[in-house]
Amino acid sequence: MKAFHEIRRYDSNYKVWHKSYEDISFVAHWHKEIELIYIREGSTSINISNNSFLANKGDLIICDTGDIHYSNSKGASNVIDFIIFDTSIISSMYEYSHFSCPVIKSNDLEKYKLNKELDQLIVTLKEELHKKDTYYEEIVDSSLRKFWYLLKRNIPVNILSSQSQNNRIHMLNNFQELLSYIDNYYYENITLDLAAEKMHFSPSHFSKVFKDFTGINFVRYVNLIRVEHAMEKLYNSSNNVTQIALDCGFNNVRNFNRVFKSVTGYTPTEFAALPDKESYNIGYYQRKSSEKQYVENDSITIVKNP
């Protein structure tokens, strides 16, 4: 599912992206790039790899490579800057950085004068990525590296044992492989017991871990995957609704209609009749709000708070 494993679409081969948004939450996803989330105003609640945090004005959130992260800030007011960049900008041999906490509080940023460095970084990104003058990539690279290594110099890191690091990487890899399996075999009978077995967890433990990681229960997630594929078939194939329901793993049309409408707001027949079906893309949309705001040149859905 593209919205969960985010494969970002950049406007060039240069893999650095920056945008600022107001009053948003964002859906569960992971990517190979590093993501910096700066809370310029307000607050947001964020979950990073099974840990929940509250970030307030002036705080910086670091989502490292492979971290599964989402925000569910319904009703909150915020202005947030997002900076995403390829790990190769830091090092061709980059490894996970193990900051002791992914949320760096505003007073720590001020203590080490990193708040001023961050403001300058954002100004540089806005100007250089917009103008794209000669050597803009080199200027952005050097600005990102400077800020990153100032973080590394001043912000504590966890010194994990090799076994702890291996356990964490192993679990994340297993989780990501499970999500890929669901996306590839959504039409099969994928039960919670089967998924738990693939993760080597008991069903009850798996159910809790899955919701902690994604913000949604397992059955709902599988249904979202199936509905997304059903939507694609509804505007790309001539099969009838019954055949599409069966092809997407639903055991009967009645259940398909109910789930499809709960996700999209339309019955499959109503959706098939839409004049511009391709503009409707649920991704990993959790329906937190009736309004969706899509990120420019991006693959994930940003959800505005009601």
C-alpha atoms as a PDB file:
ATOM      1  CA  MET A   1       0.000   0.000   0.000  1.00  0.00           C
ATOM      2  CA  LYS A   2       1.695   3.184  -1.168  1.00  0.00           C
ATOM      3  CA  ALA A   3       0.336   5.301   1.672  1.00  0.00           C
ATOM      4  CA  PHE A   4       1.873   3.105   4.355  1.00  0.00           C
ATOM      5  CA  HIS A   5       5.280   2.476   2.856  1.00  0.00           C
ATOM      6  CA  GLU A   6       5.711   5.954   1.509  1.00  0.00           C
ATOM      7  CA  ILE A   7       7.719   6.099  -1.690  1.00  0.00           C
ATOM      8  CA  ARG A   8       7.922   9.836  -2.087  1.00  0.00           C
ATOM      9  CA  ARG A   9       7.560  11.556  -5.425  1.00  0.00           C
ATOM     10  CA  TYR A  10      10.031  14.426  -5.623  1.00  0.00           C
ATOM     11  CA  ASP A  11       9.914  17.063  -8.344  1.00  0.00           C
ATOM     12  CA  SER A  12      13.476  16.143  -9.360  1.00  0.00           C
ATOM     13  CA  ASN A  13      16.158  13.567  -8.596  1.00  0.00           C
ATOM     14  CA  TYR A  14      17.160  15.635  -5.583  1.00  0.00           C
ATOM     15  CA  LYS A  15      15.570  14.004  -2.541  1.00  0.00           C
ATOM     16  CA  VAL A  16      14.851  16.883  -0.176  1.00  0.00           C
ATOM     17  CA  TRP A  17      11.342  18.164   0.560  1.00  0.00           C
ATOM     18  CA  HIS A  18       9.907  20.895   2.777  1.00  0.00           C
ATOM     19  CA  LYS A  19       6.336  22.116   3.360  1.00  0.00           C
ATOM     20  CA  SER A  20       4.392  23.892   6.073  1.00  0.00           C
ATOM     21  CA  TYR A  21       0.760  23.066   6.962  1.00  0.00           C
ATOM     22  CA  GLU A  22      -1.888  24.278   9.391  1.00  0.00           C
ATOM     23  CA  ASP A  23      -4.218  22.195  11.577  1.00  0.00           C
ATOM     24  CA  ILE A  24      -3.351  18.743  10.315  1.00  0.00           C
ATOM     25  CA  SER A  25      -2.879  15.182  11.344  1.00  0.00           C
ATOM     26  CA  PHE A  26      -1.117  12.639   9.145  1.00  0.00           C
ATOM     27  CA  VAL A  27      -1.622   9.000   8.448  1.00  0.00           C
ATOM     28  CA  ALA A  28       0.539   6.061   9.526  1.00  0.00           C
ATOM     29  CA  HIS A  29       3.491   5.532   7.201  1.00  0.00           C
ATOM     30  CA  TRP A  30       7.198   4.786   7.071  1.00  0.00           C
ATOM     31  CA  HIS A  31       9.940   5.593   4.621  1.00  0.00           C
ATOM     32  CA  LYS A  32      13.678   5.279   4.196  1.00  0.00           C
ATOM     33  CA  GLU A  33      14.227   9.022   4.459  1.00  0.00           C
ATOM     34  CA  ILE A  34      14.687  11.004   7.676  1.00  0.00           C
ATOM     35  CA  GLU A  35      11.756  13.264   8.594  1.00  0.00           C
ATOM     36  CA  LEU A  36      12.015  16.353  10.809  1.00  0.00           C
ATOM     37  CA  ILE A  37       8.710  17.744  12.117  1.00  0.00           C
ATOM     38  CA  TYR A  38       8.864  21.197  13.689  1.00  0.00           C
ATOM     39  CA  ILE A  39       5.877  22.440  15.697  1.00  0.00           C
ATOM     40  CA  ARG A  40       5.805  26.138  14.879  1.00  0.00           C
ATOM     41  CA  GLU A  41       2.475  26.770  16.618  1.00  0.00           C
ATOM     42  CA  GLY A  42       0.075  24.706  18.705  1.00  0.00           C
ATOM     43  CA  SER A  43       0.587  21.024  19.436  1.00  0.00           C
ATOM     44  CA  THR A  44       0.297  17.568  17.951  1.00  0.00           C
ATOM     45  CA  SER A  45       0.046  14.021  19.259  1.00  0.00           C
ATOM     46  CA  ILE A  46       2.374  11.628  17.469  1.00  0.00           C
ATOM     47  CA  ASN A  47       3.097   7.914  17.635  1.00  0.00           C
ATOM     48  CA  ILE A  48       6.540   6.691  16.548  1.00  0.00           C
ATOM     49  CA  SER A  49       7.222   2.961  16.385  1.00  0.00           C
ATOM     50  CA  ASN A  50       4.816   2.036  19.167  1.00  0.00           C
ATOM     51  CA  ASN A  51       5.516   5.033  21.429  1.00  0.00           C
ATOM     52  CA  SER A  52       3.182   8.007  21.888  1.00  0.00           C
ATOM     53  CA  PHE A  53       4.350  11.590  22.446  1.00  0.00           C
ATOM     54  CA  LEU A  54       2.817  15.039  22.768  1.00  0.00           C
ATOM     55  CA  ALA A  55       4.789  17.780  21.018  1.00  0.00           C
ATOM     56  CA  ASN A  56       4.137  21.473  21.629  1.00  0.00           C
ATOM     57  CA  LYS A  57       5.155  24.794  20.113  1.00  0.00           C
ATOM     58  CA  GLY A  58       8.896  24.938  19.518  1.00  0.00           C
ATOM     59  CA  ASP A  59       9.455  21.171  19.785  1.00  0.00           C
ATOM     60  CA  LEU A  60      11.201  19.150  17.078  1.00  0.00           C
ATOM     61  CA  ILE A  61      10.225  15.564  16.243  1.00  0.00           C
ATOM     62  CA  ILE A  62      12.748  13.247  14.586  1.00  0.00           C
ATOM     63  CA  CYS A  63      11.366  10.304  12.622  1.00  0.00           C
ATOM     64  CA  ASP A  64      14.387   8.247  11.669  1.00  0.00           C
ATOM     65  CA  THR A  65      14.675   5.892   8.734  1.00  0.00           C
ATOM     66  CA  GLY A  66      12.177   3.018   8.984  1.00  0.00           C
ATOM     67  CA  ASP A  67      10.205   4.520  11.883  1.00  0.00           C
ATOM     68  CA  ILE A  68       6.462   3.914  11.567  1.00  0.00           C
ATOM     69  CA  HIS A  69       4.789   7.166  12.565  1.00  0.00           C
ATOM     70  CA  TYR A  70       1.390   8.836  12.557  1.00  0.00           C
ATOM     71  CA  SER A  71      -0.361  11.805  14.148  1.00  0.00           C
ATOM     72  CA  ASN A  72      -3.892  11.813  15.502  1.00  0.00           C
ATOM     73  CA  SER A  73      -4.376  15.395  16.627  1.00  0.00           C
ATOM     74  CA  LYS A  74      -8.118  15.662  16.169  1.00  0.00           C
ATOM     75  CA  GLY A  75      -9.335  19.019  17.391  1.00  0.00           C
ATOM     76  CA  ALA A  76      -5.823  20.384  17.927  1.00  0.00           C
ATOM     77  CA  SER A  77      -4.622  23.589  16.326  1.00  0.00           C
ATOM     78  CA  ASN A  78      -1.131  23.649  14.870  1.00  0.00           C
ATOM     79  CA  VAL A  79       1.292  25.003  12.296  1.00  0.00           C
ATOM     80  CA  ILE A  80       3.877  22.379  11.372  1.00  0.00           C
ATOM     81  CA  ASP A  81       6.974  22.376   9.165  1.00  0.00           C
ATOM     82  CA  PHE A  82       7.955  19.066   7.554  1.00  0.00           C
ATOM     83  CA  ILE A  83      11.488  18.426   6.289  1.00  0.00           C
ATOM     84  CA  ILE A  84      12.215  15.084   4.619  1.00  0.00           C
ATOM     85  CA  PHE A  85      15.569  14.129   3.138  1.00  0.00           C
ATOM     86  CA  ASP A  86      17.473  11.108   1.917  1.00  0.00           C
ATOM     87  CA  THR A  87      19.849   9.542   4.444  1.00  0.00           C
ATOM     88  CA  SER A  88      22.714   9.674   1.925  1.00  0.00           C
ATOM     89  CA  ILE A  89      22.906  13.426   2.532  1.00  0.00           C
ATOM     90  CA  ILE A  90      24.124  12.610   6.049  1.00  0.00           C
ATOM     91  CA  SER A  91      26.287   9.657   5.095  1.00  0.00           C
ATOM     92  CA  SER A  92      26.501   7.008   2.395  1.00  0.00           C
ATOM     93  CA  MET A  93      26.800   4.501   5.261  1.00  0.00           C
ATOM     94  CA  TYR A  94      24.032   6.012   7.416  1.00  0.00           C
ATOM     95  CA  GLU A  95      22.625   3.950  10.284  1.00  0.00           C
ATOM     96  CA  TYR A  96      19.820   4.610  12.749  1.00  0.00           C
ATOM     97  CA  SER A  97      20.796   7.461  15.087  1.00  0.00           C
ATOM     98  CA  HIS A  98      19.213   6.275  18.374  1.00  0.00           C
ATOM     99  CA  PHE A  99      18.313   9.640  19.889  1.00  0.00           C
ATOM    100  CA  SER A 100      17.186   8.994  23.463  1.00  0.00           C
ATOM    101  CA  CYS A 101      13.807  10.568  22.641  1.00  0.00           C
ATOM    102  CA  PRO A 102      12.457  11.420  19.183  1.00  0.00           C
ATOM    103  CA  VAL A 103      10.845  14.596  20.548  1.00  0.00           C
ATOM    104  CA  ILE A 104      13.402  17.295  21.325  1.00  0.00           C
ATOM    105  CA  LYS A 105      11.773  19.888  23.575  1.00  0.00           C
ATOM    106  CA  SER A 106      11.936  23.587  22.789  1.00  0.00           C
ATOM    107  CA  ASN A 107      13.982  24.387  25.913  1.00  0.00           C
ATOM    108  CA  ASP A 108      16.680  21.915  24.813  1.00  0.00           C
ATOM    109  CA  LEU A 109      16.752  23.446  21.339  1.00  0.00           C
ATOM    110  CA  GLU A 110      17.122  26.894  22.910  1.00  0.00           C
ATOM    111  CA  LYS A 111      19.765  25.676  25.363  1.00  0.00           C
ATOM    112  CA  TYR A 112      22.057  24.632  22.526  1.00  0.00           C
ATOM    113  CA  LYS A 113      20.933  27.450  20.186  1.00  0.00           C
ATOM    114  CA  LEU A 114      19.546  24.806  17.845  1.00  0.00           C
ATOM    115  CA  ASN A 115      16.277  26.724  17.500  1.00  0.00           C
ATOM    116  CA  LYS A 116      18.098  29.488  15.625  1.00  0.00           C
ATOM    117  CA  GLU A 117      19.917  26.916  13.491  1.00  0.00           C
ATOM    118  CA  LEU A 118      16.594  25.238  12.691  1.00  0.00           C
ATOM    119  CA  ASP A 119      14.950  28.536  11.724  1.00  0.00           C
ATOM    120  CA  GLN A 120      17.886  29.290   9.436  1.00  0.00           C
ATOM    121  CA  LEU A 121      17.712  25.804   7.923  1.00  0.00           C
ATOM    122  CA  ILE A 122      14.040  26.273   7.077  1.00  0.00           C
ATOM    123  CA  VAL A 123      14.713  29.687   5.500  1.00  0.00           C
ATOM    124  CA  THR A 124      17.506  28.155   3.420  1.00  0.00           C
ATOM    125  CA  LEU A 125      15.338  25.227   2.291  1.00  0.00           C
ATOM    126  CA  LYS A 126      12.453  27.492   1.277  1.00  0.00           C
ATOM    127  CA  GLU A 127      14.674  29.770  -0.764  1.00  0.00           C
ATOM    128  CA  GLU A 128      17.025  27.264  -2.348  1.00  0.00           C
ATOM    129  CA  LEU A 129      14.426  24.596  -3.192  1.00  0.00           C
ATOM    130  CA  HIS A 130      12.196  27.248  -4.742  1.00  0.00           C
ATOM    131  CA  LYS A 131      14.798  29.117  -6.810  1.00  0.00           C
ATOM    132  CA  LYS A 132      17.049  26.151  -7.654  1.00  0.00           C
ATOM    133  CA  ASP A 133      19.947  28.435  -8.490  1.00  0.00           C
ATOM    134  CA  THR A 134      23.408  27.099  -9.294  1.00  0.00           C
ATOM    135  CA  TYR A 135      24.777  24.842  -6.536  1.00  0.00           C
ATOM    136  CA  TYR A 136      21.506  24.882  -4.612  1.00  0.00           C
ATOM    137  CA  GLU A 137      21.827  21.157  -3.884  1.00  0.00           C
ATOM    138  CA  GLU A 138      25.263  21.616  -2.354  1.00  0.00           C
ATOM    139  CA  ILE A 139      24.010  24.533  -0.225  1.00  0.00           C
ATOM    140  CA  VAL A 140      21.019  22.543   1.040  1.00  0.00           C
ATOM    141  CA  ASP A 141      23.195  19.467   1.677  1.00  0.00           C
ATOM    142  CA  SER A 142      25.653  21.437   3.774  1.00  0.00           C
ATOM    143  CA  SER A 143      22.835  23.137   5.738  1.00  0.00           C
ATOM    144  CA  LEU A 144      21.165  19.814   6.533  1.00  0.00           C
ATOM    145  CA  ARG A 145      24.442  18.171   7.515  1.00  0.00           C
ATOM    146  CA  LYS A 146      25.399  21.080   9.778  1.00  0.00           C
ATOM    147  CA  PHE A 147      22.082  20.985  11.623  1.00  0.00           C
ATOM    148  CA  TRP A 148      22.080  17.186  11.882  1.00  0.00           C
ATOM    149  CA  TYR A 149      25.557  16.968  13.377  1.00  0.00           C
ATOM    150  CA  LEU A 150      24.806  19.799  15.813  1.00  0.00           C
ATOM    151  CA  LEU A 151      21.876  17.646  16.943  1.00  0.00           C
ATOM    152  CA  LYS A 152      24.189  14.651  17.282  1.00  0.00           C
ATOM    153  CA  ARG A 153      26.714  16.707  19.229  1.00  0.00           C
ATOM    154  CA  ASN A 154      24.223  18.068  21.770  1.00  0.00           C
ATOM    155  CA  ILE A 155      21.250  15.699  22.045  1.00  0.00           C
ATOM    156  CA  PRO A 156      21.652  12.467  24.081  1.00  0.00           C
ATOM    157  CA  VAL A 157      21.492   9.108  22.350  1.00  0.00           C
ATOM    158  CA  ASN A 158      20.617   5.665  23.644  1.00  0.00           C
ATOM    159  CA  ILE A 159      23.559   3.299  23.710  1.00  0.00           C
ATOM    160  CA  LEU A 160      21.710   0.106  22.956  1.00  0.00           C
ATOM    161  CA  SER A 161      23.270  -3.317  23.136  1.00  0.00           C
ATOM    162  CA  SER A 162      23.817  -5.080  19.843  1.00  0.00           C
ATOM    163  CA  GLN A 163      21.097  -7.543  20.845  1.00  0.00           C
ATOM    164  CA  SER A 164      18.579  -4.749  21.524  1.00  0.00           C
ATOM    165  CA  GLN A 165      19.359  -3.101  18.199  1.00  0.00           C
ATOM    166  CA  ASN A 166      19.028  -6.408  16.369  1.00  0.00           C
ATOM    167  CA  ASN A 167      15.712  -7.155  18.105  1.00  0.00           C
ATOM    168  CA  ARG A 168      14.290  -3.774  17.147  1.00  0.00           C
ATOM    169  CA  ILE A 169      15.418  -4.033  13.523  1.00  0.00           C
ATOM    170  CA  HIS A 170      14.118  -7.595  13.315  1.00  0.00           C
ATOM    171  CA  MET A 171      10.663  -6.608  14.593  1.00  0.00           C
ATOM    172  CA  LEU A 172      10.379  -3.620  12.252  1.00  0.00           C
ATOM    173  CA  ASN A 173      11.450  -5.738   9.300  1.00  0.00           C
ATOM    174  CA  ASN A 174       8.895  -8.404  10.189  1.00  0.00           C
ATOM    175  CA  PHE A 175       6.185  -5.779  10.553  1.00  0.00           C
ATOM    176  CA  GLN A 176       7.001  -4.187   7.213  1.00  0.00           C
ATOM    177  CA  GLU A 177       7.087  -7.613   5.540  1.00  0.00           C
ATOM    178  CA  LEU A 178       3.656  -8.383   7.001  1.00  0.00           C
ATOM    179  CA  LEU A 179       2.225  -5.164   5.546  1.00  0.00           C
ATOM    180  CA  SER A 180       3.711  -6.025   2.154  1.00  0.00           C
ATOM    181  CA  TYR A 181       2.189  -9.503   2.407  1.00  0.00           C
ATOM    182  CA  ILE A 182      -1.257  -8.024   3.110  1.00  0.00           C
ATOM    183  CA  ASP A 183      -0.949  -5.684   0.135  1.00  0.00           C
ATOM    184  CA  ASN A 184       0.123  -8.506  -2.181  1.00  0.00           C
ATOM    185  CA  TYR A 185      -2.355 -11.157  -0.962  1.00  0.00           C
ATOM    186  CA  TYR A 186      -5.319  -8.986   0.118  1.00  0.00           C
ATOM    187  CA  TYR A 187      -7.687 -11.250  -1.829  1.00  0.00           C
ATOM    188  CA  GLU A 188      -6.903 -14.243   0.378  1.00  0.00           C
ATOM    189  CA  ASN A 189      -8.387 -15.073   3.781  1.00  0.00           C
ATOM    190  CA  ILE A 190      -5.908 -13.106   5.911  1.00  0.00           C
ATOM    191  CA  THR A 191      -6.937 -13.641   9.512  1.00  0.00           C
ATOM    192  CA  LEU A 192      -5.606 -12.052  12.666  1.00  0.00           C
ATOM    193  CA  ASP A 193      -4.319 -15.469  13.756  1.00  0.00           C
ATOM    194  CA  LEU A 194      -2.374 -15.850  10.504  1.00  0.00           C
ATOM    195  CA  ALA A 195      -0.843 -12.374  10.822  1.00  0.00           C
ATOM    196  CA  ALA A 196       0.058 -12.979  14.473  1.00  0.00           C
ATOM    197  CA  GLU A 197       1.773 -16.225  13.509  1.00  0.00           C
ATOM    198  CA  LYS A 198       3.862 -14.408  10.892  1.00  0.00           C
ATOM    199  CA  MET A 199       4.989 -11.966  13.593  1.00  0.00           C
ATOM    200  CA  HIS A 200       5.587 -14.816  16.081  1.00  0.00           C
ATOM    201  CA  PHE A 201       3.155 -13.154  18.521  1.00  0.00           C
ATOM    202  CA  SER A 202       0.076 -14.429  20.300  1.00  0.00           C
ATOM    203  CA  PRO A 203      -3.134 -13.095  18.657  1.00  0.00           C
ATOM    204  CA  SER A 204      -3.945 -10.851  21.647  1.00  0.00           C
ATOM    205  CA  HIS A 205      -0.430  -9.370  21.795  1.00  0.00           C
ATOM    206  CA  PHE A 206      -0.315  -8.921  18.038  1.00  0.00           C
ATOM    207  CA  SER A 207      -3.671  -7.122  18.051  1.00  0.00           C
ATOM    208  CA  LYS A 208      -2.391  -4.603  20.607  1.00  0.00           C
ATOM    209  CA  VAL A 209       0.975  -4.094  18.895  1.00  0.00           C
ATOM    210  CA  PHE A 210      -0.648  -3.631  15.478  1.00  0.00           C
ATOM    211  CA  LYS A 211      -2.975  -0.895  16.734  1.00  0.00           C
ATOM    212  CA  ASP A 212      -0.148   0.779  18.642  1.00  0.00           C
ATOM    213  CA  PHE A 213       1.973   0.897  15.482  1.00  0.00           C
ATOM    214  CA  THR A 214      -0.724   1.998  13.046  1.00  0.00           C
ATOM    215  CA  GLY A 215      -3.474   3.663  15.070  1.00  0.00           C
ATOM    216  CA  ILE A 216      -6.044   1.290  13.608  1.00  0.00           C
ATOM    217  CA  ASN A 217      -7.126  -2.280  14.318  1.00  0.00           C
ATOM    218  CA  PHE A 218      -6.044  -5.169  12.112  1.00  0.00           C
ATOM    219  CA  VAL A 219      -9.424  -5.948  10.520  1.00  0.00           C
ATOM    220  CA  ARG A 220      -9.952  -2.294   9.615  1.00  0.00           C
ATOM    221  CA  TYR A 221      -6.501  -2.123   8.057  1.00  0.00           C
ATOM    222  CA  VAL A 222      -7.083  -5.216   5.890  1.00  0.00           C
ATOM    223  CA  ASN A 223     -10.443  -3.814   4.802  1.00  0.00           C
ATOM    224  CA  LEU A 224      -8.823  -0.493   3.839  1.00  0.00           C
ATOM    225  CA  ILE A 225      -6.305  -2.355   1.688  1.00  0.00           C
ATOM    226  CA  ARG A 226      -9.089  -4.336   0.028  1.00  0.00           C
ATOM    227  CA  VAL A 227     -11.211  -1.249  -0.586  1.00  0.00           C
ATOM    228  CA  GLU A 228      -8.260   0.577  -2.117  1.00  0.00           C
ATOM    229  CA  HIS A 229      -7.713  -2.296  -4.563  1.00  0.00           C
ATOM    230  CA  ALA A 230     -11.472  -2.482  -5.216  1.00  0.00           C
ATOM    231  CA  MET A 231     -11.498   1.218  -6.099  1.00  0.00           C
ATOM    232  CA  GLU A 232      -8.712   0.630  -8.600  1.00  0.00           C
ATOM    233  CA  LYS A 233     -10.644  -2.242 -10.171  1.00  0.00           C
ATOM    234  CA  LEU A 234     -13.853  -0.193 -10.311  1.00  0.00           C
ATOM    235  CA  TYR A 235     -12.219   2.386 -12.575  1.00  0.00           C
ATOM    236  CA  ASN A 236      -9.807   0.095 -14.428  1.00  0.00           C
ATOM    237  CA  SER A 237     -11.789  -3.051 -15.182  1.00  0.00           C
ATOM    238  CA  SER A 238     -15.143  -3.982 -16.699  1.00  0.00           C
ATOM    239  CA  ASN A 239     -15.939  -6.625 -14.053  1.00  0.00           C
ATOM    240  CA  ASN A 240     -19.214  -6.327 -12.179  1.00  0.00           C
ATOM    241  CA  VAL A 241     -19.426  -5.443  -8.481  1.00  0.00           C
ATOM    242  CA  THR A 242     -19.915  -9.063  -7.387  1.00  0.00           C
ATOM    243  CA  GLN A 243     -16.780 -10.236  -9.176  1.00  0.00           C
ATOM    244  CA  ILE A 244     -14.736  -7.321  -7.842  1.00  0.00           C
ATOM    245  CA  ALA A 245     -15.929  -8.050  -4.295  1.00  0.00           C
ATOM    246  CA  LEU A 246     -14.790 -11.668  -4.569  1.00  0.00           C
ATOM    247  CA  ASP A 247     -11.527 -10.701  -6.279  1.00  0.00           C
ATOM    248  CA  CYS A 248     -10.727  -8.351  -3.385  1.00  0.00           C
ATOM    249  CA  GLY A 249     -11.260 -10.873  -0.600  1.00  0.00           C
ATOM    250  CA  PHE A 250     -14.837 -10.090   0.436  1.00  0.00           C
ATOM    251  CA  ASN A 251     -16.967 -13.189   0.950  1.00  0.00           C
ATOM    252  CA  ASN A 252     -20.222 -11.576  -0.180  1.00  0.00           C
ATOM    253  CA  VAL A 253     -21.508  -8.428  -1.870  1.00  0.00           C
ATOM    254  CA  ARG A 254     -23.461  -7.248   1.158  1.00  0.00           C
ATOM    255  CA  ASN A 255     -20.344  -7.129   3.312  1.00  0.00           C
ATOM    256  CA  PHE A 256     -18.408  -5.496   0.476  1.00  0.00           C
ATOM    257  CA  ASN A 257     -21.022  -2.759   0.097  1.00  0.00           C
ATOM    258  CA  ARG A 258     -21.072  -2.063   3.837  1.00  0.00           C
ATOM    259  CA  VAL A 259     -17.280  -1.867   4.216  1.00  0.00           C
ATOM    260  CA  PHE A 260     -16.776   0.108   0.994  1.00  0.00           C
ATOM    261  CA  LYS A 261     -19.288   2.762   2.055  1.00  0.00           C
ATOM    262  CA  SER A 262     -17.877   2.995   5.584  1.00  0.00           C
ATOM    263  CA  VAL A 263     -14.464   3.833   4.073  1.00  0.00           C
ATOM    264  CA  THR A 264     -15.346   6.002   1.066  1.00  0.00           C
ATOM    265  CA  GLY A 265     -18.821   7.335   1.813  1.00  0.00           C
ATOM    266  CA  TYR A 266     -20.081   5.728  -1.421  1.00  0.00           C
ATOM    267  CA  THR A 267     -21.475   2.343  -2.341  1.00  0.00           C
ATOM    268  CA  PRO A 268     -19.381   0.568  -5.003  1.00  0.00           C
ATOM    269  CA  THR A 269     -22.080   1.308  -7.589  1.00  0.00           C
ATOM    270  CA  GLU A 270     -22.149   5.000  -6.660  1.00  0.00           C
ATOM    271  CA  PHE A 271     -18.375   5.151  -6.793  1.00  0.00           C
ATOM    272  CA  ALA A 272     -18.281   3.490 -10.213  1.00  0.00           C
ATOM    273  CA  ALA A 273     -20.618   6.224 -11.494  1.00  0.00           C
ATOM    274  CA  LEU A 274     -18.424   9.113 -10.317  1.00  0.00           C
ATOM    275  CA  PRO A 275     -17.245  11.256 -13.263  1.00  0.00           C
ATOM    276  CA  ASP A 276     -13.697  11.606 -11.917  1.00  0.00           C
ATOM    277  CA  LYS A 277     -12.996   8.458  -9.913  1.00  0.00           C
ATOM    278  CA  GLU A 278      -9.225   8.698 -10.267  1.00  0.00           C
ATOM    279  CA  SER A 279      -9.123  11.915  -8.232  1.00  0.00           C
ATOM    280  CA  TYR A 280     -10.436  10.013  -5.203  1.00  0.00           C
ATOM    281  CA  ASN A 281      -7.572   8.317  -3.396  1.00  0.00           C
ATOM    282  CA  ILE A 282      -8.102   7.104   0.161  1.00  0.00           C
ATOM    283  CA  GLY A 283      -4.547   5.939   0.702  1.00  0.00           C
ATOM    284  CA  TYR A 284      -4.345   5.078   4.383  1.00  0.00           C
ATOM    285  CA  TYR A 285      -7.028   7.654   5.189  1.00  0.00           C
ATOM    286  CA  GLN A 286      -8.533   7.070   8.613  1.00  0.00           C
ATOM    287  CA  ARG A 287     -11.561   9.325   8.017  1.00  0.00           C
ATOM    288  CA  LYS A 288     -10.716  11.609  10.905  1.00  0.00           C
ATOM    289  CA  SER A 289     -12.441  14.418   9.052  1.00  0.00           C
ATOM    290  CA  SER A 290     -14.758  14.930   6.108  1.00  0.00           C
ATOM    291  CA  GLU A 291     -12.094  17.104   4.465  1.00  0.00           C
ATOM    292  CA  LYS A 292      -8.818  15.854   3.036  1.00  0.00           C
ATOM    293  CA  GLN A 293      -5.830  17.970   2.099  1.00  0.00           C
ATOM    294  CA  TYR A 294      -3.367  16.268  -0.225  1.00  0.00           C
ATOM    295  CA  VAL A 295       0.318  17.044  -0.073  1.00  0.00           C
ATOM    296  CA  GLU A 296       1.757  18.460  -3.271  1.00  0.00           C
ATOM    297  CA  ASN A 297       3.893  15.938  -5.178  1.00  0.00           C
ATOM    298  CA  ASP A 298       3.385  13.415  -2.402  1.00  0.00           C
ATOM    299  CA  SER A 299       2.031   9.926  -1.917  1.00  0.00           C
ATOM    300  CA  ILE A 300       0.415  10.216   1.486  1.00  0.00           C
ATOM    301  CA  THR A 301      -2.762  11.883   2.608  1.00  0.00           C
ATOM    302  CA  ILE A 302      -2.630  14.783   5.020  1.00  0.00           C
ATOM    303  CA  VAL A 303      -5.850  15.015   7.008  1.00  0.00           C
ATOM    304  CA  LYS A 304      -7.124  18.393   8.176  1.00  0.00           C
ATOM    305  CA  ASN A 305      -8.615  18.486  11.647  1.00  0.00           C
ATOM    306  CA  PRO A 306     -12.354  19.251  11.798  1.00  0.00           C
END
